[in-house]
Amino acid sequence: MNKAIENNIEYSERDDPIVTAVIEVTRTFCEYSNGVSIKKMKNLVKHFLSSLRKEKRWKRQRMAPKLCDYKVYRYYSVGFDFMLEAMLNLQNVSVPQNMQCTQSYSLLCESANTIAIMLNDIASFRNELHEHSKNNMVIVLKQERGYVKYQDAIDEMVQMLNDEWKNLELLLKMCSTHNYEMQNSNLNVLDVIKQILHMAYMYTMNSKRYTFANTFTIEIQ
């Protein structure tokens, strides 16, 4: 699998710490996974690397991407699906087929992914500004809505995050009651998703890479 991944990596990316970390994680993952899971992970890594290249291209642009474009490639680059597949296998949890085929489960994964993106972007906003990066939903919203102040974009994003949490809670309830005979299996999957979101929250709160604050003081020279 790692050879297949490395064949999709450009020469200039081989020293990228994120790409290196992905290769190391997938190498460890393969030792504990079956063929079906490895195939899924291979496809997820391809999407991740493709989205990562898209982010790097936007960093060189003066304008931020459109919100619709940003949501598409950020969906994969945040790494939620990648983490979900890894944790399901490492904890020996399988998604019941009857659950996996439901619209509520698909919406649940999308909602959890969106929350992970917003947590990441709110916490990394100040760093993105200092690095002159446009890969942040706050920056994208400011451009898309025509806001004069970043605080207006932050306020909208916080409201979006609050609404998404409510949406997630509803979807968790729907998925937990679907197919009562498989309820225990359903709850195991939902616990893994909750764990990932908790990890995302703790990472944004404690990582030196991010600066999480209730208010932001932005100085632009």
N, C-alpha and C. Protein backbone atom coordinates (compact mmCIF):
# COMPACT_ATOMS: atom_id res chain seq x y z
N MET A 1 0.83 -1.21 0.00
CA MET A 1 0.00 0.00 0.00
C MET A 1 0.86 1.26 0.00
N ASN A 2 1.95 1.24 0.80
CA ASN A 2 2.79 2.42 0.88
C ASN A 2 3.46 2.74 -0.44
N LYS A 3 3.80 1.70 -1.22
CA LYS A 3 4.36 1.95 -2.54
C LYS A 3 3.34 2.65 -3.43
N ALA A 4 2.09 2.22 -3.33
CA ALA A 4 1.02 2.84 -4.12
C ALA A 4 0.84 4.30 -3.72
N ILE A 5 0.94 4.57 -2.42
CA ILE A 5 0.80 5.95 -1.94
C ILE A 5 1.98 6.79 -2.38
N GLU A 6 3.18 6.25 -2.21
CA GLU A 6 4.38 7.00 -2.56
C GLU A 6 4.44 7.31 -4.05
N ASN A 7 3.83 6.44 -4.87
CA ASN A 7 3.79 6.71 -6.31
C ASN A 7 2.92 7.92 -6.64
N ASN A 8 2.00 8.27 -5.72
CA ASN A 8 1.13 9.43 -5.91
C ASN A 8 1.68 10.70 -5.28
N ILE A 9 2.88 10.61 -4.71
CA ILE A 9 3.49 11.75 -4.06
C ILE A 9 4.50 12.40 -5.00
N GLU A 10 4.38 13.68 -5.19
CA GLU A 10 5.31 14.41 -6.02
C GLU A 10 6.65 14.54 -5.30
N TYR A 11 7.72 14.69 -6.09
CA TYR A 11 9.07 14.74 -5.51
C TYR A 11 9.20 15.86 -4.49
N SER A 12 8.59 17.00 -4.78
CA SER A 12 8.69 18.17 -3.89
C SER A 12 7.96 17.96 -2.57
N GLU A 13 7.08 16.93 -2.51
CA GLU A 13 6.29 16.69 -1.30
C GLU A 13 6.95 15.71 -0.33
N ARG A 14 8.05 15.09 -0.74
CA ARG A 14 8.62 14.02 0.06
C ARG A 14 9.20 14.50 1.38
N ASP A 15 9.53 15.79 1.47
CA ASP A 15 10.03 16.35 2.72
C ASP A 15 8.94 17.04 3.52
N ASP A 16 7.71 17.01 3.02
CA ASP A 16 6.60 17.64 3.73
C ASP A 16 6.27 16.82 4.98
N PRO A 17 6.28 17.45 6.17
CA PRO A 17 6.03 16.69 7.41
C PRO A 17 4.65 16.04 7.46
N ILE A 18 3.64 16.70 6.86
CA ILE A 18 2.29 16.13 6.87
C ILE A 18 2.24 14.87 6.00
N VAL A 19 2.84 14.94 4.82
CA VAL A 19 2.87 13.79 3.93
C VAL A 19 3.65 12.64 4.57
N THR A 20 4.77 12.97 5.18
CA THR A 20 5.57 11.95 5.87
C THR A 20 4.78 11.27 6.97
N ALA A 21 4.02 12.07 7.73
CA ALA A 21 3.20 11.52 8.81
C ALA A 21 2.12 10.59 8.27
N VAL A 22 1.51 10.96 7.14
CA VAL A 22 0.47 10.12 6.53
C VAL A 22 1.05 8.77 6.13
N ILE A 23 2.24 8.78 5.55
CA ILE A 23 2.87 7.52 5.14
C ILE A 23 3.15 6.64 6.35
N GLU A 24 3.65 7.26 7.43
CA GLU A 24 3.96 6.50 8.64
C GLU A 24 2.69 5.91 9.27
N VAL A 25 1.63 6.69 9.30
CA VAL A 25 0.37 6.21 9.88
C VAL A 25 -0.19 5.05 9.07
N THR A 26 -0.18 5.18 7.75
CA THR A 26 -0.73 4.11 6.90
C THR A 26 0.12 2.84 7.00
N ARG A 27 1.42 3.01 7.18
CA ARG A 27 2.29 1.83 7.34
C ARG A 27 1.90 1.05 8.60
N THR A 28 1.67 1.78 9.69
CA THR A 28 1.24 1.14 10.94
C THR A 28 -0.16 0.56 10.80
N PHE A 29 -1.03 1.30 10.12
CA PHE A 29 -2.42 0.89 9.93
C PHE A 29 -2.49 -0.45 9.21
N CYS A 30 -1.65 -0.63 8.20
CA CYS A 30 -1.70 -1.85 7.39
C CYS A 30 -1.41 -3.10 8.20
N GLU A 31 -0.64 -2.96 9.27
CA GLU A 31 -0.28 -4.11 10.09
C GLU A 31 -1.47 -4.67 10.86
N TYR A 32 -2.51 -3.85 11.03
CA TYR A 32 -3.66 -4.26 11.84
C TYR A 32 -4.95 -4.35 11.03
N SER A 33 -4.86 -4.31 9.72
CA SER A 33 -6.06 -4.18 8.89
C SER A 33 -6.17 -5.30 7.87
N ASN A 34 -7.40 -5.52 7.41
CA ASN A 34 -7.63 -6.50 6.36
C ASN A 34 -7.61 -5.82 4.99
N GLY A 35 -7.78 -6.64 3.96
CA GLY A 35 -7.67 -6.11 2.60
C GLY A 35 -8.69 -5.05 2.25
N VAL A 36 -9.93 -5.22 2.73
CA VAL A 36 -10.99 -4.25 2.44
C VAL A 36 -10.66 -2.90 3.06
N SER A 37 -10.22 -2.91 4.31
CA SER A 37 -9.89 -1.66 5.00
C SER A 37 -8.70 -0.97 4.36
N ILE A 38 -7.72 -1.75 3.94
CA ILE A 38 -6.54 -1.18 3.29
C ILE A 38 -6.93 -0.50 1.99
N LYS A 39 -7.85 -1.12 1.25
CA LYS A 39 -8.31 -0.53 0.00
C LYS A 39 -9.02 0.79 0.26
N LYS A 40 -9.87 0.84 1.30
CA LYS A 40 -10.56 2.08 1.66
C LYS A 40 -9.56 3.16 2.04
N MET A 41 -8.57 2.78 2.86
CA MET A 41 -7.58 3.74 3.31
C MET A 41 -6.76 4.28 2.14
N LYS A 42 -6.45 3.42 1.20
CA LYS A 42 -5.70 3.83 0.02
C LYS A 42 -6.44 4.93 -0.74
N ASN A 43 -7.75 4.75 -0.92
CA ASN A 43 -8.56 5.76 -1.61
C ASN A 43 -8.64 7.05 -0.81
N LEU A 44 -8.76 6.94 0.52
CA LEU A 44 -8.84 8.13 1.37
C LEU A 44 -7.54 8.92 1.32
N VAL A 45 -6.42 8.22 1.30
CA VAL A 45 -5.12 8.90 1.24
C VAL A 45 -4.96 9.63 -0.09
N LYS A 46 -5.43 9.02 -1.17
CA LYS A 46 -5.36 9.68 -2.47
C LYS A 46 -6.16 10.98 -2.46
N HIS A 47 -7.36 10.94 -1.90
CA HIS A 47 -8.18 12.16 -1.79
C HIS A 47 -7.49 13.19 -0.91
N PHE A 48 -6.89 12.72 0.18
CA PHE A 48 -6.21 13.61 1.12
C PHE A 48 -5.06 14.34 0.44
N LEU A 49 -4.22 13.60 -0.28
CA LEU A 49 -3.06 14.20 -0.95
C LEU A 49 -3.50 15.16 -2.04
N SER A 50 -4.55 14.80 -2.77
CA SER A 50 -5.07 15.68 -3.82
C SER A 50 -5.58 16.99 -3.22
N SER A 51 -6.30 16.91 -2.10
CA SER A 51 -6.81 18.11 -1.43
C SER A 51 -5.69 18.94 -0.85
N LEU A 52 -4.65 18.27 -0.36
CA LEU A 52 -3.50 18.97 0.20
C LEU A 52 -2.80 19.80 -0.87
N ARG A 53 -2.70 19.26 -2.06
CA ARG A 53 -2.09 20.01 -3.17
C ARG A 53 -2.95 21.23 -3.52
N LYS A 54 -4.27 21.04 -3.47
CA LYS A 54 -5.18 22.15 -3.75
C LYS A 54 -4.98 23.26 -2.73
N GLU A 55 -4.82 22.90 -1.47
CA GLU A 55 -4.58 23.91 -0.43
C GLU A 55 -3.29 24.67 -0.69
N LYS A 56 -2.26 23.96 -1.07
CA LYS A 56 -0.97 24.61 -1.32
C LYS A 56 -1.06 25.59 -2.49
N ARG A 57 -1.84 25.24 -3.50
CA ARG A 57 -2.01 26.15 -4.63
C ARG A 57 -2.74 27.42 -4.20
N TRP A 58 -3.74 27.28 -3.32
CA TRP A 58 -4.47 28.45 -2.85
C TRP A 58 -3.60 29.34 -1.98
N LYS A 59 -2.61 28.78 -1.32
CA LYS A 59 -1.72 29.59 -0.49
C LYS A 59 -0.93 30.58 -1.33
N ARG A 60 -0.75 30.24 -2.59
CA ARG A 60 0.01 31.13 -3.48
C ARG A 60 -0.88 32.15 -4.18
N GLN A 61 -2.20 32.06 -3.95
CA GLN A 61 -3.13 32.99 -4.57
C GLN A 61 -3.39 34.18 -3.66
N ARG A 62 -3.69 35.31 -4.26
CA ARG A 62 -4.03 36.50 -3.47
C ARG A 62 -5.45 36.44 -2.93
N MET A 63 -6.33 35.85 -3.70
CA MET A 63 -7.73 35.76 -3.30
C MET A 63 -8.00 34.43 -2.61
N ALA A 64 -8.90 34.45 -1.65
CA ALA A 64 -9.33 33.21 -0.99
C ALA A 64 -10.25 32.44 -1.94
N PRO A 65 -10.33 31.12 -1.80
CA PRO A 65 -11.25 30.35 -2.64
C PRO A 65 -12.70 30.67 -2.32
N LYS A 66 -13.60 30.32 -3.23
CA LYS A 66 -15.02 30.46 -2.95
C LYS A 66 -15.41 29.45 -1.87
N LEU A 67 -16.45 29.78 -1.13
CA LEU A 67 -16.87 28.94 -0.02
C LEU A 67 -17.23 27.53 -0.49
N CYS A 68 -17.92 27.42 -1.63
CA CYS A 68 -18.31 26.11 -2.15
C CYS A 68 -17.09 25.26 -2.51
N ASP A 69 -16.07 25.89 -3.12
CA ASP A 69 -14.84 25.17 -3.46
C ASP A 69 -14.07 24.77 -2.21
N TYR A 70 -14.03 25.69 -1.25
CA TYR A 70 -13.29 25.44 -0.02
C TYR A 70 -13.87 24.23 0.72
N LYS A 71 -15.19 24.15 0.80
CA LYS A 71 -15.82 23.05 1.53
C LYS A 71 -15.52 21.70 0.89
N VAL A 72 -15.40 21.69 -0.45
CA VAL A 72 -15.16 20.42 -1.15
C VAL A 72 -13.78 19.87 -0.83
N TYR A 73 -12.72 20.66 -1.07
CA TYR A 73 -11.39 20.09 -0.85
C TYR A 73 -11.01 20.03 0.62
N ARG A 74 -11.59 20.91 1.44
CA ARG A 74 -11.29 20.88 2.88
C ARG A 74 -11.94 19.66 3.53
N TYR A 75 -13.01 19.17 2.91
CA TYR A 75 -13.69 17.98 3.44
C TYR A 75 -12.73 16.81 3.56
N TYR A 76 -11.82 16.70 2.58
CA TYR A 76 -10.87 15.59 2.59
C TYR A 76 -9.56 15.94 3.30
N SER A 77 -9.13 17.19 3.21
CA SER A 77 -7.82 17.54 3.77
C SER A 77 -7.82 17.62 5.29
N VAL A 78 -9.01 17.75 5.91
CA VAL A 78 -9.04 17.81 7.38
C VAL A 78 -8.73 16.44 7.98
N GLY A 79 -8.93 15.37 7.21
CA GLY A 79 -8.52 14.04 7.64
C GLY A 79 -9.50 13.27 8.51
N PHE A 80 -10.77 13.71 8.58
CA PHE A 80 -11.74 13.02 9.44
C PHE A 80 -11.99 11.59 8.95
N ASP A 81 -12.27 11.41 7.66
CA ASP A 81 -12.54 10.07 7.13
C ASP A 81 -11.33 9.16 7.32
N PHE A 82 -10.16 9.73 7.13
CA PHE A 82 -8.91 9.00 7.33
C PHE A 82 -8.82 8.49 8.77
N MET A 83 -9.10 9.36 9.72
CA MET A 83 -9.04 9.01 11.14
C MET A 83 -10.14 8.02 11.52
N LEU A 84 -11.33 8.19 10.95
CA LEU A 84 -12.45 7.30 11.26
C LEU A 84 -12.14 5.87 10.84
N GLU A 85 -11.64 5.70 9.64
CA GLU A 85 -11.32 4.36 9.15
C GLU A 85 -10.23 3.71 10.00
N ALA A 86 -9.23 4.50 10.38
CA ALA A 86 -8.15 3.96 11.20
C ALA A 86 -8.64 3.54 12.58
N MET A 87 -9.43 4.39 13.22
CA MET A 87 -9.89 4.10 14.58
C MET A 87 -10.90 2.96 14.62
N LEU A 88 -11.74 2.86 13.61
CA LEU A 88 -12.68 1.74 13.56
C LEU A 88 -11.94 0.41 13.53
N ASN A 89 -10.87 0.36 12.76
CA ASN A 89 -10.10 -0.88 12.64
C ASN A 89 -9.27 -1.16 13.87
N LEU A 90 -8.63 -0.13 14.40
CA LEU A 90 -7.79 -0.33 15.58
C LEU A 90 -8.61 -0.74 16.80
N GLN A 91 -9.88 -0.31 16.85
CA GLN A 91 -10.76 -0.69 17.95
C GLN A 91 -11.63 -1.90 17.60
N ASN A 92 -11.38 -2.46 16.42
CA ASN A 92 -12.12 -3.65 15.96
C ASN A 92 -13.63 -3.41 15.97
N VAL A 93 -14.01 -2.26 15.44
CA VAL A 93 -15.43 -1.90 15.34
C VAL A 93 -15.82 -1.87 13.87
N SER A 94 -16.90 -2.54 13.54
CA SER A 94 -17.39 -2.57 12.16
C SER A 94 -18.70 -1.78 12.06
N VAL A 95 -18.83 -1.05 10.98
CA VAL A 95 -20.08 -0.32 10.74
C VAL A 95 -21.09 -1.30 10.14
N PRO A 96 -22.21 -1.57 10.82
CA PRO A 96 -23.21 -2.49 10.27
C PRO A 96 -23.67 -2.03 8.89
N GLN A 97 -23.83 -2.98 8.00
CA GLN A 97 -24.20 -2.63 6.62
C GLN A 97 -25.52 -1.87 6.57
N ASN A 98 -26.48 -2.27 7.39
CA ASN A 98 -27.78 -1.59 7.40
C ASN A 98 -27.65 -0.14 7.86
N MET A 99 -26.65 0.12 8.69
CA MET A 99 -26.42 1.49 9.16
C MET A 99 -25.63 2.28 8.12
N GLN A 100 -24.65 1.63 7.53
CA GLN A 100 -23.77 2.30 6.57
C GLN A 100 -24.53 2.77 5.34
N CYS A 101 -25.61 2.09 5.00
CA CYS A 101 -26.37 2.42 3.80
C CYS A 101 -27.43 3.50 4.03
N THR A 102 -27.57 3.96 5.26
CA THR A 102 -28.62 4.93 5.56
C THR A 102 -28.15 6.36 5.28
N GLN A 103 -29.11 7.20 4.95
CA GLN A 103 -28.81 8.61 4.72
C GLN A 103 -28.39 9.29 6.01
N SER A 104 -28.97 8.86 7.13
CA SER A 104 -28.64 9.49 8.41
C SER A 104 -27.18 9.28 8.78
N TYR A 105 -26.62 8.11 8.46
CA TYR A 105 -25.20 7.86 8.77
C TYR A 105 -24.29 8.71 7.88
N SER A 106 -24.66 8.82 6.61
CA SER A 106 -23.87 9.67 5.70
C SER A 106 -23.88 11.12 6.17
N LEU A 107 -25.06 11.59 6.58
CA LEU A 107 -25.18 12.96 7.08
C LEU A 107 -24.42 13.14 8.39
N LEU A 108 -24.40 12.09 9.21
CA LEU A 108 -23.67 12.16 10.48
C LEU A 108 -22.17 12.34 10.23
N CYS A 109 -21.62 11.55 9.32
CA CYS A 109 -20.19 11.67 9.00
C CYS A 109 -19.88 13.04 8.41
N GLU A 110 -20.77 13.54 7.57
CA GLU A 110 -20.58 14.87 6.98
C GLU A 110 -20.63 15.95 8.06
N SER A 111 -21.56 15.82 8.99
CA SER A 111 -21.69 16.80 10.07
C SER A 111 -20.46 16.80 10.97
N ALA A 112 -19.99 15.60 11.34
CA ALA A 112 -18.81 15.49 12.19
C ALA A 112 -17.58 16.05 11.49
N ASN A 113 -17.48 15.79 10.19
CA ASN A 113 -16.36 16.33 9.40
C ASN A 113 -16.40 17.86 9.39
N THR A 114 -17.59 18.42 9.20
CA THR A 114 -17.75 19.88 9.18
C THR A 114 -17.35 20.50 10.51
N ILE A 115 -17.72 19.85 11.61
CA ILE A 115 -17.35 20.36 12.93
C ILE A 115 -15.84 20.33 13.10
N ALA A 116 -15.20 19.26 12.66
CA ALA A 116 -13.74 19.16 12.75
C ALA A 116 -13.07 20.28 11.97
N ILE A 117 -13.62 20.60 10.79
CA ILE A 117 -13.07 21.68 9.97
C ILE A 117 -13.20 23.02 10.69
N MET A 118 -14.38 23.30 11.23
CA MET A 118 -14.61 24.59 11.87
C MET A 118 -13.80 24.76 13.15
N LEU A 119 -13.67 23.69 13.94
CA LEU A 119 -12.82 23.75 15.13
C LEU A 119 -11.39 24.07 14.75
N ASN A 120 -10.92 23.40 13.72
CA ASN A 120 -9.56 23.62 13.25
C ASN A 120 -9.36 25.04 12.74
N ASP A 121 -10.31 25.52 11.96
CA ASP A 121 -10.15 26.84 11.33
C ASP A 121 -10.29 27.99 12.31
N ILE A 122 -11.16 27.85 13.29
CA ILE A 122 -11.28 28.91 14.30
C ILE A 122 -9.99 29.02 15.11
N ALA A 123 -9.45 27.86 15.49
CA ALA A 123 -8.25 27.86 16.32
C ALA A 123 -7.01 28.29 15.55
N SER A 124 -6.94 27.98 14.26
CA SER A 124 -5.74 28.28 13.47
C SER A 124 -5.83 29.62 12.74
N PHE A 125 -6.93 30.35 12.94
CA PHE A 125 -7.17 31.58 12.17
C PHE A 125 -6.02 32.58 12.29
N ARG A 126 -5.58 32.85 13.52
CA ARG A 126 -4.53 33.84 13.72
C ARG A 126 -3.23 33.42 13.02
N ASN A 127 -2.90 32.14 13.12
CA ASN A 127 -1.68 31.65 12.47
C ASN A 127 -1.78 31.75 10.96
N GLU A 128 -2.96 31.46 10.42
CA GLU A 128 -3.14 31.53 8.97
C GLU A 128 -2.93 32.96 8.47
N LEU A 129 -3.39 33.94 9.24
CA LEU A 129 -3.19 35.33 8.85
C LEU A 129 -1.72 35.70 8.82
N HIS A 130 -1.01 35.31 9.85
CA HIS A 130 0.41 35.63 9.92
C HIS A 130 1.21 34.94 8.81
N GLU A 131 0.72 33.78 8.38
CA GLU A 131 1.39 33.04 7.31
C GLU A 131 0.88 33.44 5.93
N HIS A 132 -0.04 34.41 5.89
CA HIS A 132 -0.62 34.89 4.63
C HIS A 132 -1.31 33.75 3.86
N SER A 133 -1.90 32.83 4.59
CA SER A 133 -2.61 31.72 3.98
C SER A 133 -4.09 32.06 3.85
N LYS A 134 -4.71 31.58 2.77
CA LYS A 134 -6.14 31.81 2.54
C LYS A 134 -6.97 30.57 2.88
N ASN A 135 -6.31 29.53 3.37
CA ASN A 135 -7.01 28.28 3.64
C ASN A 135 -7.62 28.28 5.04
N ASN A 136 -8.65 29.08 5.20
CA ASN A 136 -9.33 29.17 6.48
C ASN A 136 -10.75 29.66 6.23
N MET A 137 -11.72 29.03 6.88
CA MET A 137 -13.12 29.37 6.61
C MET A 137 -13.46 30.78 7.04
N VAL A 138 -12.81 31.30 8.09
CA VAL A 138 -13.06 32.68 8.51
C VAL A 138 -12.67 33.64 7.40
N ILE A 139 -11.50 33.41 6.81
CA ILE A 139 -11.02 34.27 5.72
C ILE A 139 -11.92 34.13 4.49
N VAL A 140 -12.33 32.90 4.21
CA VAL A 140 -13.22 32.64 3.07
C VAL A 140 -14.56 33.33 3.28
N LEU A 141 -15.12 33.23 4.49
CA LEU A 141 -16.41 33.87 4.78
C LEU A 141 -16.32 35.39 4.67
N LYS A 142 -15.24 35.96 5.14
CA LYS A 142 -15.08 37.42 5.07
C LYS A 142 -15.13 37.89 3.62
N GLN A 143 -14.45 37.15 2.75
CA GLN A 143 -14.45 37.51 1.32
C GLN A 143 -15.81 37.24 0.69
N GLU A 144 -16.39 36.09 1.00
CA GLU A 144 -17.66 35.67 0.38
C GLU A 144 -18.81 36.61 0.76
N ARG A 145 -18.86 37.01 2.03
CA ARG A 145 -19.96 37.84 2.52
C ARG A 145 -19.69 39.33 2.36
N GLY A 146 -18.45 39.69 2.07
CA GLY A 146 -18.12 41.11 1.94
C GLY A 146 -18.00 41.83 3.26
N TYR A 147 -17.65 41.09 4.31
CA TYR A 147 -17.49 41.72 5.62
C TYR A 147 -16.29 42.66 5.64
N VAL A 148 -16.42 43.73 6.43
CA VAL A 148 -15.30 44.67 6.60
C VAL A 148 -14.36 44.15 7.68
N LYS A 149 -14.92 43.57 8.75
CA LYS A 149 -14.12 43.09 9.88
C LYS A 149 -14.11 41.56 9.93
N TYR A 150 -12.98 41.03 10.36
CA TYR A 150 -12.89 39.59 10.55
C TYR A 150 -13.82 39.10 11.65
N GLN A 151 -14.07 39.96 12.64
CA GLN A 151 -14.92 39.56 13.75
C GLN A 151 -16.31 39.17 13.29
N ASP A 152 -16.81 39.83 12.23
CA ASP A 152 -18.13 39.49 11.69
C ASP A 152 -18.12 38.07 11.12
N ALA A 153 -17.03 37.72 10.44
CA ALA A 153 -16.91 36.37 9.88
C ALA A 153 -16.77 35.34 10.99
N ILE A 154 -16.03 35.70 12.05
CA ILE A 154 -15.87 34.79 13.19
C ILE A 154 -17.22 34.56 13.86
N ASP A 155 -18.00 35.63 14.03
CA ASP A 155 -19.32 35.51 14.65
C ASP A 155 -20.23 34.58 13.85
N GLU A 156 -20.20 34.73 12.53
CA GLU A 156 -21.03 33.86 11.69
C GLU A 156 -20.57 32.40 11.79
N MET A 157 -19.27 32.21 11.82
CA MET A 157 -18.75 30.84 11.88
C MET A 157 -19.06 30.18 13.22
N VAL A 158 -19.00 30.95 14.30
CA VAL A 158 -19.35 30.41 15.61
C VAL A 158 -20.82 29.99 15.64
N GLN A 159 -21.68 30.78 15.01
CA GLN A 159 -23.10 30.43 14.92
C GLN A 159 -23.29 29.18 14.07
N MET A 160 -22.52 29.08 12.98
CA MET A 160 -22.57 27.88 12.14
C MET A 160 -22.14 26.65 12.93
N LEU A 161 -21.10 26.81 13.75
CA LEU A 161 -20.61 25.70 14.57
C LEU A 161 -21.65 25.28 15.60
N ASN A 162 -22.30 26.25 16.20
CA ASN A 162 -23.35 25.97 17.18
C ASN A 162 -24.51 25.21 16.54
N ASP A 163 -24.92 25.65 15.35
CA ASP A 163 -26.01 24.97 14.64
C ASP A 163 -25.61 23.55 14.24
N GLU A 164 -24.34 23.40 13.85
CA GLU A 164 -23.87 22.08 13.41
C GLU A 164 -23.81 21.09 14.58
N TRP A 165 -23.48 21.59 15.77
CA TRP A 165 -23.50 20.71 16.95
C TRP A 165 -24.91 20.19 17.21
N LYS A 166 -25.91 21.06 17.07
CA LYS A 166 -27.31 20.65 17.26
C LYS A 166 -27.70 19.61 16.20
N ASN A 167 -27.25 19.85 14.98
CA ASN A 167 -27.52 18.91 13.90
C ASN A 167 -26.88 17.55 14.20
N LEU A 168 -25.65 17.59 14.71
CA LEU A 168 -24.94 16.35 15.05
C LEU A 168 -25.68 15.57 16.14
N GLU A 169 -26.15 16.27 17.15
CA GLU A 169 -26.87 15.61 18.25
C GLU A 169 -28.12 14.90 17.74
N LEU A 170 -28.84 15.54 16.82
CA LEU A 170 -30.04 14.93 16.25
C LEU A 170 -29.68 13.69 15.44
N LEU A 171 -28.62 13.78 14.65
CA LEU A 171 -28.21 12.64 13.81
C LEU A 171 -27.70 11.48 14.66
N LEU A 172 -27.03 11.80 15.77
CA LEU A 172 -26.58 10.74 16.68
C LEU A 172 -27.76 9.97 17.25
N LYS A 173 -28.83 10.68 17.59
CA LYS A 173 -30.03 10.03 18.12
C LYS A 173 -30.68 9.16 17.05
N MET A 174 -30.74 9.68 15.83
CA MET A 174 -31.35 8.93 14.73
C MET A 174 -30.58 7.64 14.45
N CYS A 175 -29.25 7.75 14.42
CA CYS A 175 -28.43 6.58 14.11
C CYS A 175 -28.43 5.56 15.24
N SER A 176 -28.57 6.03 16.47
CA SER A 176 -28.55 5.12 17.62
C SER A 176 -29.80 4.25 17.69
N THR A 177 -30.89 4.71 17.13
CA THR A 177 -32.16 3.97 17.20
C THR A 177 -32.46 3.20 15.91
N HIS A 178 -31.63 3.38 14.89
CA HIS A 178 -31.87 2.68 13.63
C HIS A 178 -31.56 1.19 13.77
N ASN A 179 -32.45 0.35 13.28
CA ASN A 179 -32.26 -1.10 13.29
C ASN A 179 -31.96 -1.59 14.71
N TYR A 180 -32.97 -1.66 15.51
CA TYR A 180 -32.84 -1.92 16.95
C TYR A 180 -32.04 -3.20 17.24
N GLU A 181 -32.13 -4.21 16.37
CA GLU A 181 -31.43 -5.47 16.60
C GLU A 181 -29.91 -5.29 16.60
N MET A 182 -29.43 -4.25 15.90
CA MET A 182 -27.99 -3.99 15.80
C MET A 182 -27.61 -2.77 16.63
N GLN A 183 -28.40 -2.45 17.65
CA GLN A 183 -28.21 -1.20 18.37
C GLN A 183 -26.83 -1.11 19.03
N ASN A 184 -26.36 -2.20 19.62
CA ASN A 184 -25.05 -2.17 20.28
C ASN A 184 -23.93 -1.86 19.28
N SER A 185 -24.01 -2.47 18.11
CA SER A 185 -23.01 -2.20 17.07
C SER A 185 -23.08 -0.75 16.62
N ASN A 186 -24.29 -0.23 16.49
CA ASN A 186 -24.47 1.17 16.11
C ASN A 186 -23.82 2.09 17.13
N LEU A 187 -24.05 1.81 18.41
CA LEU A 187 -23.52 2.66 19.48
C LEU A 187 -22.00 2.63 19.51
N ASN A 188 -21.40 1.49 19.18
CA ASN A 188 -19.94 1.40 19.13
C ASN A 188 -19.37 2.32 18.06
N VAL A 189 -20.03 2.36 16.91
CA VAL A 189 -19.59 3.24 15.83
C VAL A 189 -19.73 4.70 16.24
N LEU A 190 -20.84 5.03 16.86
CA LEU A 190 -21.08 6.41 17.29
C LEU A 190 -20.07 6.84 18.35
N ASP A 191 -19.68 5.91 19.21
CA ASP A 191 -18.66 6.23 20.22
C ASP A 191 -17.33 6.60 19.57
N VAL A 192 -16.98 5.90 18.50
CA VAL A 192 -15.73 6.20 17.79
C VAL A 192 -15.79 7.60 17.19
N ILE A 193 -16.92 7.96 16.60
CA ILE A 193 -17.08 9.30 16.02
C ILE A 193 -16.97 10.37 17.10
N LYS A 194 -17.58 10.11 18.26
CA LYS A 194 -17.48 11.06 19.37
C LYS A 194 -16.03 11.21 19.84
N GLN A 195 -15.30 10.10 19.88
CA GLN A 195 -13.90 10.13 20.29
C GLN A 195 -13.07 10.99 19.34
N ILE A 196 -13.33 10.87 18.05
CA ILE A 196 -12.58 11.65 17.06
C ILE A 196 -12.84 13.14 17.25
N LEU A 197 -14.10 13.50 17.47
CA LEU A 197 -14.43 14.91 17.68
C LEU A 197 -13.80 15.44 18.97
N HIS A 198 -13.78 14.60 20.00
CA HIS A 198 -13.13 15.01 21.25
C HIS A 198 -11.63 15.23 21.03
N MET A 199 -11.01 14.34 20.26
CA MET A 199 -9.59 14.50 19.94
C MET A 199 -9.35 15.78 19.15
N ALA A 200 -10.24 16.06 18.19
CA ALA A 200 -10.10 17.28 17.39
C ALA A 200 -10.21 18.52 18.27
N TYR A 201 -11.16 18.49 19.19
CA TYR A 201 -11.34 19.63 20.10
C TYR A 201 -10.12 19.81 21.00
N MET A 202 -9.64 18.72 21.60
CA MET A 202 -8.50 18.82 22.51
C MET A 202 -7.24 19.24 21.76
N TYR A 203 -7.11 18.79 20.51
CA TYR A 203 -5.94 19.16 19.72
C TYR A 203 -5.93 20.66 19.43
N THR A 204 -7.08 21.18 19.06
CA THR A 204 -7.14 22.62 18.77
C THR A 204 -6.95 23.46 20.02
N MET A 205 -7.32 22.92 21.17
CA MET A 205 -7.18 23.65 22.42
C MET A 205 -5.75 23.64 22.95
N ASN A 206 -5.03 22.54 22.72
CA ASN A 206 -3.74 22.35 23.38
C ASN A 206 -2.53 22.37 22.46
N SER A 207 -2.74 22.24 21.16
CA SER A 207 -1.60 22.21 20.25
C SER A 207 -0.90 23.56 20.18
N LYS A 208 0.42 23.54 20.11
CA LYS A 208 1.19 24.78 19.99
C LYS A 208 0.98 25.43 18.62
N ARG A 209 0.50 24.63 17.68
CA ARG A 209 0.27 25.15 16.33
C ARG A 209 -0.89 26.15 16.33
N TYR A 210 -1.85 25.97 17.24
CA TYR A 210 -3.06 26.78 17.22
C TYR A 210 -3.14 27.72 18.41
N THR A 211 -3.92 28.77 18.23
CA THR A 211 -4.17 29.73 19.31
C THR A 211 -5.67 29.86 19.46
N PHE A 212 -6.22 29.18 20.44
CA PHE A 212 -7.67 29.22 20.66
C PHE A 212 -7.98 30.29 21.69
N ALA A 213 -8.91 31.18 21.36
CA ALA A 213 -9.25 32.26 22.29
C ALA A 213 -10.71 32.64 22.09
N ASN A 214 -11.32 33.20 23.13
CA ASN A 214 -12.71 33.66 23.03
C ASN A 214 -12.81 34.91 22.18
N THR A 215 -11.76 35.74 22.21
CA THR A 215 -11.72 36.94 21.38
C THR A 215 -10.39 36.98 20.64
N PHE A 216 -10.36 37.66 19.53
CA PHE A 216 -9.17 37.72 18.71
C PHE A 216 -8.76 39.18 18.51
N THR A 217 -7.50 39.47 18.77
CA THR A 217 -6.96 40.79 18.47
C THR A 217 -6.03 40.64 17.28
N ILE A 218 -6.42 41.22 16.18
CA ILE A 218 -5.69 41.04 14.93
C ILE A 218 -4.96 42.33 14.58
N GLU A 219 -3.66 42.21 14.37
CA GLU A 219 -2.86 43.35 13.96
C GLU A 219 -2.30 43.06 12.57
N ILE A 220 -2.70 43.87 11.61
CA ILE A 220 -2.24 43.68 10.24
C ILE A 220 -1.37 44.86 9.85
N GLN A 221 -0.14 44.57 9.49
CA GLN A 221 0.78 45.64 9.12
C GLN A 221 0.70 45.91 7.62
